[in-house]
C-alpha cells in the first residue's frame, strides 16, 4: 500500500493514513493503546527499516496523548495532563540521577502558533546556575536544568542546530529536550494532542520549512522531542471538510448520488492532489490555525512546562509546580 502524500508531524497519524480503510498492521511497528475517560495514549515504536520506510519516521518511540477537551480551560484536566506527560517522559528512561539537561524551545516567539517552545522555556524551572555557583554535582530535590530559545533562522540568520550545538559543546548536557509546535492532518487534533518522541526533531518541518535536525546523530546526546500541533495545511482542512460533506450527501441525497460516490471513490492521495492543484493559485503554502491560538498557546505552554518540572525535578509535584511559573 502506498503512503498518502498528506504531511503530518504525528506518528499516530502516519499510522492511521497507512492503515486507512483496512486493518493492515505495519511489520516493524508495534502499537499499544491506553484509553481513559479524559485522554487516550497511543505508544508507537518503529523497530526496523521496514517500519521506518512505511511510516516515513525514524526508528524510535513515539507517544501520543490525545485530549479532546485540552482546549476547554478545565484547570483540573490540565493538571492531570501535566502529570500524565511527566509520567511518559520518565518512562522513556533518559533522565538519570545526576544528569544534566538542556531544554530548547524551538520556534518564533513573534508568531503565536509557533511560540510554544519559547513560552515553555519561560516557565520551566532552570537550576544550572545553582549547581555552577555552589559547585554542586548532585541534589536530591532538583535536577541540573538549563534552558534556551534559539529563535528561527529568519530572525537570527543562524541555523537552530548551530546555536544548540554550540551550547551543547560548551555545557555538555546528558540529555536535550526540544519543544516545538507541530502540524497535524486533522483539525480535531490541533491544540488537543501532545507527542513525545525520542528520535529528535527537524524544526519547521510542519510548514514545509524543514531545517537541520536536532537528534543524537547531530548533537551526540539523546534528544527527546515534545510537540503539540497548532496548525494544519489549508488543503488538509479542505480535504477533511470534503470528506464530511461527501459522507453527509451520501446519506441524505439520492439525486446525483453516483457523482458523490465517484468523488468518494477517489484515493486519498488523488483527492488531496486535486485539492492542492485547485487551491495553489489562491492559497499556495497557506496554513490554518484557530483564532484564539495566542491564549491557547499560553495555556498549553503551562501544561508542558508543568509536566517537565514534575518529570525532571524529584522534589517537585503537582502541589508545588505552579509556584515556579513566571
Foldseek 3Di string as FASTA:
>chain_A
DDAFPFDWPALVVLQCRLQPPHDDDFPQKDWDWDDDPFKIKIKIARGDDRSCVSSVHDGWIKIKIFGLCLLVPPPVVLLVLLQVLLVVVVVVPQQDFLFAEEEEQEAACVDLLWNLRVLLLLFADADLVVCVVVVNRHDQFFYHYHYDYPHPCVVVVDAPLVVVLVVCVVPVGQEYEYETEIEHLDPSQALGMKMKIFAFDFPPVRLPPTGDTDACVSRVHTYIYIYGYFKYAPLSVVLVVLVVVLVVCCVPPDVCNVVSVVLVPDRSNVNSVVSCVVCCVPQNSHMDGDPPSNVSSNSVSLSNSSSVNVNGTVNDDSVRRVVRGD
